């Protein structure tokens, strides 16, 4: 079965190399770039329009969607709102760490996710210092050095946080969230967390009366990541704290390709409205539910390539 919306699958990998207790840097996500995929649809597909609406331009000025409940009619409609979707796992003692220490670590990872993916100071205003304030003291310095070396835009997105594309205001509703946070010890005995979430963001359309499908209002990000607690007494204290780990994978879906290529997130309604009459469009490899499922495999399709 095929489906028509866009999907960007971004294989992310960030790793720290250690030598003599010093971090040497990381060959990270953005340096590696997009090795996954995007499927980008700008027109319509015969027989695949939602609810039999088709690709015709609406003649009524009555909105086809409810902007106060924009997720209604989408696969994310019943998901938890915002931070309520990021829950803590049941924790106990792990290795040398007490149950209280394990829970505190899990709470810190949760706080980073909420700040990096849901806090509008970060995702809209670009005040990413709020993310780094929750991590090891040297985290921002190390990340900034990498960004400068790779000539990455300061106002772009990152494997660490979401950035909404300028000119695409979010609706006054919380993003929908589905996924899981797990805590365990890595091979070196460090407290480690794996996070795997799909988040759906709802945007304010320019012309609500022209929206025929609630999926045009939303954009999806799926991000898998690992985090670890550095507390090795043999390294300087400024490196103690929360760090990102070796695993970063994910994809964007139902998003604008031009924005996604800049590591920014935006919906598709402008492209869709401009190109309703375009010819045959690419199709995704899977049905829509696949991309809303945090347990689906990350593939290798790229529909933003022409």
Protein backbone atom coordinates (compact mmCIF):
# COMPACT_ATOMS: atom_id res chain seq x y z
CA UNK A 1 0.00 0.00 0.00
CA UNK A 2 1.30 3.47 -0.81
CA UNK A 3 0.50 6.84 0.67
CA UNK A 4 0.89 10.35 -0.60
CA UNK A 5 2.35 12.58 2.15
CA UNK A 6 5.94 13.67 2.63
CA UNK A 7 8.46 11.82 4.70
CA UNK A 8 11.96 12.77 5.58
CA UNK A 9 14.01 10.11 7.20
CA UNK A 10 17.24 11.36 8.63
CA UNK A 11 19.79 8.95 9.92
CA UNK A 12 21.53 10.67 12.74
CA UNK A 13 24.72 9.62 14.47
CA UNK A 14 26.65 11.59 17.01
CA UNK A 15 29.53 10.11 18.90
CA UNK A 16 32.22 11.29 21.26
CA UNK A 17 35.70 9.83 21.05
CA UNK A 18 37.58 9.68 24.29
CA UNK A 19 41.35 9.58 24.81
CA UNK A 20 42.98 9.97 28.17
CA UNK A 21 39.79 11.31 29.68
CA UNK A 22 39.39 14.12 27.12
CA UNK A 23 36.64 14.52 24.59
CA UNK A 24 38.19 14.92 21.16
CA UNK A 25 35.06 15.97 19.38
CA UNK A 26 32.30 14.26 17.51
CA UNK A 27 31.51 13.09 14.07
CA UNK A 28 27.97 14.05 14.31
CA UNK A 29 24.63 14.16 12.74
CA UNK A 30 24.78 17.28 10.78
CA UNK A 31 28.30 16.57 9.63
CA UNK A 32 27.19 13.22 8.29
CA UNK A 33 24.09 14.80 6.83
CA UNK A 34 20.98 13.18 5.48
CA UNK A 35 21.46 9.53 4.71
CA UNK A 36 17.85 8.68 5.23
CA UNK A 37 14.89 9.93 3.31
CA UNK A 38 12.15 12.33 2.51
CA UNK A 39 9.10 11.83 0.44
CA UNK A 40 7.65 15.12 -0.61
CA UNK A 41 4.27 15.54 -2.29
CA UNK A 42 3.28 18.92 -3.67
CA UNK A 43 0.17 18.00 -5.63
CA UNK A 44 -2.38 15.23 -5.26
CA UNK A 45 -2.66 11.58 -6.11
CA UNK A 46 -5.74 10.18 -7.79
CA UNK A 47 -7.67 8.00 -5.38
CA UNK A 48 -5.54 8.94 -2.38
CA UNK A 49 -7.18 12.18 -1.27
CA UNK A 50 -8.63 11.92 2.25
CA UNK A 51 -12.33 11.17 2.72
CA UNK A 52 -13.01 11.31 -1.00
CA UNK A 53 -12.41 15.06 -1.18
CA UNK A 54 -10.14 14.91 -4.19
CA UNK A 55 -7.80 17.65 -5.34
CA UNK A 56 -10.36 20.29 -6.26
CA UNK A 57 -10.25 23.75 -4.76
CA UNK A 58 -12.96 24.28 -2.14
CA UNK A 59 -15.69 26.69 -3.18
CA UNK A 60 -16.91 27.46 0.34
CA UNK A 61 -15.23 29.84 2.75
CA UNK A 62 -16.09 27.48 5.62
CA UNK A 63 -12.92 25.82 6.95
CA UNK A 64 -12.75 22.08 6.36
CA UNK A 65 -10.82 21.65 9.61
CA UNK A 66 -11.21 22.87 13.18
CA UNK A 67 -8.29 25.06 14.19
CA UNK A 68 -9.05 24.60 17.88
CA UNK A 69 -8.71 20.82 17.52
CA UNK A 70 -6.33 20.56 14.57
CA UNK A 71 -5.28 16.97 15.24
CA UNK A 72 -8.82 15.68 15.00
CA UNK A 73 -8.99 13.33 12.04
CA UNK A 74 -5.27 12.55 12.10
CA UNK A 75 -3.42 9.56 13.52
CA UNK A 76 -2.15 11.79 16.35
CA UNK A 77 -5.62 12.82 17.48
CA UNK A 78 -5.71 10.63 20.58
CA UNK A 79 -2.09 11.11 21.62
CA UNK A 80 -1.12 12.90 24.82
CA UNK A 81 -0.70 16.67 24.79
CA UNK A 82 2.80 18.07 25.13
CA UNK A 83 4.84 17.11 28.19
CA UNK A 84 2.14 14.67 29.30
CA UNK A 85 3.30 12.40 26.49
CA UNK A 86 6.82 12.10 27.93
CA UNK A 87 6.43 9.88 30.96
CA UNK A 88 9.04 8.47 33.30
CA UNK A 89 9.66 4.73 33.36
CA UNK A 90 9.51 2.72 36.54
CA UNK A 91 13.01 2.88 37.95
CA UNK A 92 15.02 1.10 40.59
CA UNK A 93 18.65 0.70 41.55
CA UNK A 94 21.02 0.22 38.60
CA UNK A 95 24.61 -0.80 39.25
CA UNK A 96 26.21 1.72 41.61
CA UNK A 97 23.31 4.13 41.21
CA UNK A 98 20.51 4.27 43.77
CA UNK A 99 16.88 4.30 42.73
CA UNK A 100 16.78 8.01 43.58
CA UNK A 101 19.78 8.73 41.34
CA UNK A 102 18.28 6.74 38.48
CA UNK A 103 15.00 8.60 38.75
CA UNK A 104 16.76 11.97 38.91
CA UNK A 105 18.65 11.08 35.73
CA UNK A 106 15.45 10.06 33.96
CA UNK A 107 13.79 13.30 35.06
CA UNK A 108 16.71 15.30 33.67
CA UNK A 109 16.46 13.57 30.29
CA UNK A 110 12.71 14.20 30.27
CA UNK A 111 13.30 17.86 31.04
CA UNK A 112 15.74 18.14 28.13
CA UNK A 113 13.22 16.60 25.74
CA UNK A 114 10.45 18.92 26.89
CA UNK A 115 12.69 21.95 26.54
CA UNK A 116 14.26 20.95 23.22
CA UNK A 117 11.11 19.75 21.44
CA UNK A 118 8.17 21.54 23.08
CA UNK A 119 9.32 24.79 24.71
CA UNK A 120 8.43 27.65 22.36
CA UNK A 121 11.33 29.72 23.64
CA UNK A 122 13.53 27.15 21.92
CA UNK A 123 11.55 25.83 18.97
CA UNK A 124 10.10 29.19 17.90
CA UNK A 125 12.34 31.89 19.36
CA UNK A 126 15.58 29.95 18.95
CA UNK A 127 16.78 30.39 22.53
CA UNK A 128 18.65 27.12 22.50
CA UNK A 129 20.70 28.06 25.53
CA UNK A 130 17.80 26.70 27.59
CA UNK A 131 18.61 23.22 26.25
CA UNK A 132 22.32 23.40 26.96
CA UNK A 133 21.68 24.77 30.46
CA UNK A 134 20.33 21.32 31.33
CA UNK A 135 23.43 19.50 30.11
CA UNK A 136 27.09 19.29 31.12
CA UNK A 137 28.78 22.71 31.43
CA UNK A 138 30.99 22.06 28.39
CA UNK A 139 28.17 20.79 26.17
CA UNK A 140 27.32 24.10 24.51
CA UNK A 141 30.98 24.97 23.95
CA UNK A 142 31.65 21.63 22.29
CA UNK A 143 28.53 21.90 20.14
CA UNK A 144 29.29 25.49 19.12
CA UNK A 145 32.81 24.49 18.07
CA UNK A 146 31.39 21.78 15.87
CA UNK A 147 28.78 24.10 14.36
CA UNK A 148 31.42 26.69 13.48
CA UNK A 149 33.72 24.07 12.00
CA UNK A 150 30.95 22.68 9.81
CA UNK A 151 29.61 26.17 8.98
CA UNK A 152 26.14 25.29 10.20
CA UNK A 153 23.56 28.08 10.51
CA UNK A 154 23.08 29.38 14.03
CA UNK A 155 19.33 29.69 13.48
CA UNK A 156 18.87 26.21 12.01
CA UNK A 157 17.66 23.05 13.64
CA UNK A 158 19.79 20.36 15.19
CA UNK A 159 19.77 16.75 16.28
CA UNK A 160 19.44 18.17 19.80
CA UNK A 161 16.43 20.43 19.33
CA UNK A 162 13.57 21.31 17.00
CA UNK A 163 13.32 24.64 15.19
CA UNK A 164 10.11 25.83 13.56
CA UNK A 165 10.60 27.58 10.22
CA UNK A 166 10.12 31.37 10.39
CA UNK A 167 6.82 32.51 8.91
CA UNK A 168 4.96 29.39 9.98
CA UNK A 169 3.24 30.23 13.29
CA UNK A 170 2.13 27.38 15.48
CA UNK A 171 -1.46 27.13 16.59
CA UNK A 172 -2.13 27.71 20.28
CA UNK A 173 -2.32 24.02 21.06
CA UNK A 174 0.26 21.69 22.51
CA UNK A 175 2.03 19.32 20.12
CA UNK A 176 0.90 15.72 20.30
CA UNK A 177 3.46 13.25 21.62
CA UNK A 178 3.86 9.47 21.50
CA UNK A 179 6.86 7.37 22.44
CA UNK A 180 8.99 5.97 25.23
CA UNK A 181 11.91 6.73 27.52
CA UNK A 182 14.02 3.86 28.87
CA UNK A 183 16.91 3.88 31.35
CA UNK A 184 19.73 1.34 31.53
CA UNK A 185 23.47 0.96 32.05
CA UNK A 186 25.68 1.05 28.99
CA UNK A 187 28.70 -1.21 28.47
CA UNK A 188 30.84 1.10 30.59
CA UNK A 189 28.41 1.13 33.48
CA UNK A 190 27.14 4.65 32.84
CA UNK A 191 23.56 5.67 33.38
CA UNK A 192 22.07 5.84 29.89
CA UNK A 193 18.66 6.67 28.50
CA UNK A 194 17.15 5.86 25.14
CA UNK A 195 14.36 8.09 23.90
CA UNK A 196 12.11 7.43 20.92
CA UNK A 197 9.27 9.86 20.22
CA UNK A 198 7.05 11.03 17.42
CA UNK A 199 5.84 14.60 17.86
CA UNK A 200 3.14 16.28 15.82
CA UNK A 201 3.09 20.08 15.54
CA UNK A 202 0.03 22.04 14.38
CA UNK A 203 0.42 25.22 12.32
CA UNK A 204 -1.81 28.20 11.60
CA UNK A 205 -2.77 28.16 7.90
CA UNK A 206 -2.70 31.27 5.72
CA UNK A 207 -6.10 30.48 4.24
CA UNK A 208 -8.03 28.07 6.48
CA UNK A 209 -10.90 27.84 4.01
CA UNK A 210 -8.60 26.16 1.49
CA UNK A 211 -7.45 23.39 3.83
CA UNK A 212 -9.13 20.15 2.80
CA UNK A 213 -7.33 17.73 5.09
CA UNK A 214 -6.15 18.19 8.71
CA UNK A 215 -2.86 16.52 7.75
CA UNK A 216 -2.00 19.69 5.82
CA UNK A 217 -1.89 21.60 9.12
CA UNK A 218 0.61 19.37 10.87
CA UNK A 219 4.23 18.35 10.54
CA UNK A 220 5.80 15.32 12.19
CA UNK A 221 9.21 14.68 13.70
CA UNK A 222 10.39 11.27 14.83
CA UNK A 223 13.60 11.26 16.85
CA UNK A 224 15.46 8.38 18.46
CA UNK A 225 18.38 9.28 20.71
CA UNK A 226 20.64 8.13 23.51
CA UNK A 227 21.83 10.18 26.47
CA UNK A 228 24.31 9.37 29.21
CA UNK A 229 25.48 10.71 32.54
CA UNK A 230 29.18 11.52 32.70
CA UNK A 231 30.45 11.35 36.27
CA UNK A 232 33.96 9.94 35.82
CA UNK A 233 36.07 11.43 38.59
CA UNK A 234 39.17 11.25 36.39
CA UNK A 235 37.93 13.99 34.06
CA UNK A 236 37.33 17.65 34.83
CA UNK A 237 34.08 18.60 36.50
CA UNK A 238 33.01 20.83 33.63
CA UNK A 239 32.49 17.64 31.62
CA UNK A 240 30.30 16.08 34.30
CA UNK A 241 26.60 15.94 33.58
CA UNK A 242 24.25 14.93 30.80
CA UNK A 243 25.59 14.31 27.29
CA UNK A 244 24.12 13.06 24.05
CA UNK A 245 25.17 9.53 23.14
CA UNK A 246 26.01 7.59 19.99
CA UNK A 247 22.53 7.05 18.60
CA UNK A 248 20.52 9.65 16.70
CA UNK A 249 18.00 8.55 14.09
CA UNK A 250 14.72 9.89 12.86
CA UNK A 251 12.61 11.37 10.12
CA UNK A 252 10.40 14.31 9.30
CA UNK A 253 6.99 13.66 7.77
CA UNK A 254 4.22 15.82 6.31
CA UNK A 255 6.75 18.61 6.12
CA UNK A 256 7.87 21.29 3.68
CA UNK A 257 10.98 20.14 1.81
CA UNK A 258 12.60 23.60 1.49
CA UNK A 259 12.30 24.07 5.24
CA UNK A 260 13.40 20.53 6.07
CA UNK A 261 16.54 20.89 3.99
CA UNK A 262 17.52 23.75 6.33
CA UNK A 263 16.86 21.60 9.40
CA UNK A 264 13.65 23.57 10.03
CA UNK A 265 10.13 22.23 10.39
CA UNK A 266 7.10 23.52 8.48
CA UNK A 267 3.88 21.99 7.13
CA UNK A 268 2.92 21.46 3.49
CA UNK A 269 -0.19 23.59 3.04
CA UNK A 270 1.51 26.33 1.01
CA UNK A 271 3.08 23.92 -1.45
CA UNK A 272 -0.14 21.93 -1.68
CA UNK A 273 -2.26 24.98 -2.40
CA UNK A 274 0.15 26.23 -5.05
CA UNK A 275 0.46 22.93 -6.89
CA UNK A 276 -2.91 21.21 -6.75
CA UNK A 277 -2.88 20.65 -10.49
CA UNK A 278 0.61 19.19 -10.76
CA UNK A 279 1.20 15.90 -12.53
CA UNK A 280 2.14 12.54 -11.00
CA UNK A 281 3.78 12.81 -7.62
CA UNK A 282 6.04 10.42 -5.68
CA UNK A 283 4.51 7.99 -3.25
CA UNK A 284 5.75 6.86 0.14
CA UNK A 285 6.87 3.28 0.63
CA UNK A 286 4.48 2.76 3.52
CA UNK A 287 1.02 3.81 4.59
CA UNK A 288 0.56 6.86 6.76
CA UNK A 289 0.29 4.90 10.01
CA UNK A 290 3.86 3.70 9.53
CA UNK A 291 5.26 7.20 9.92
CA UNK A 292 3.15 7.99 12.99
CA UNK A 293 4.42 4.85 14.72
CA UNK A 294 7.51 5.36 16.94
CA UNK A 295 8.28 1.65 16.61
CA UNK A 296 8.43 1.57 12.82
CA UNK A 297 11.88 1.10 11.24
CA UNK A 298 13.73 4.12 9.90
CA UNK A 299 14.12 3.58 6.16
CA UNK A 300 16.10 5.14 3.33
CA UNK A 301 13.57 6.92 1.12
CA UNK A 302 14.12 10.51 0.04
CA UNK A 303 11.26 12.24 -1.71
CA UNK A 304 12.79 15.72 -1.60
CA UNK A 305 15.16 14.71 -4.37
CA UNK A 306 13.87 15.65 -7.81
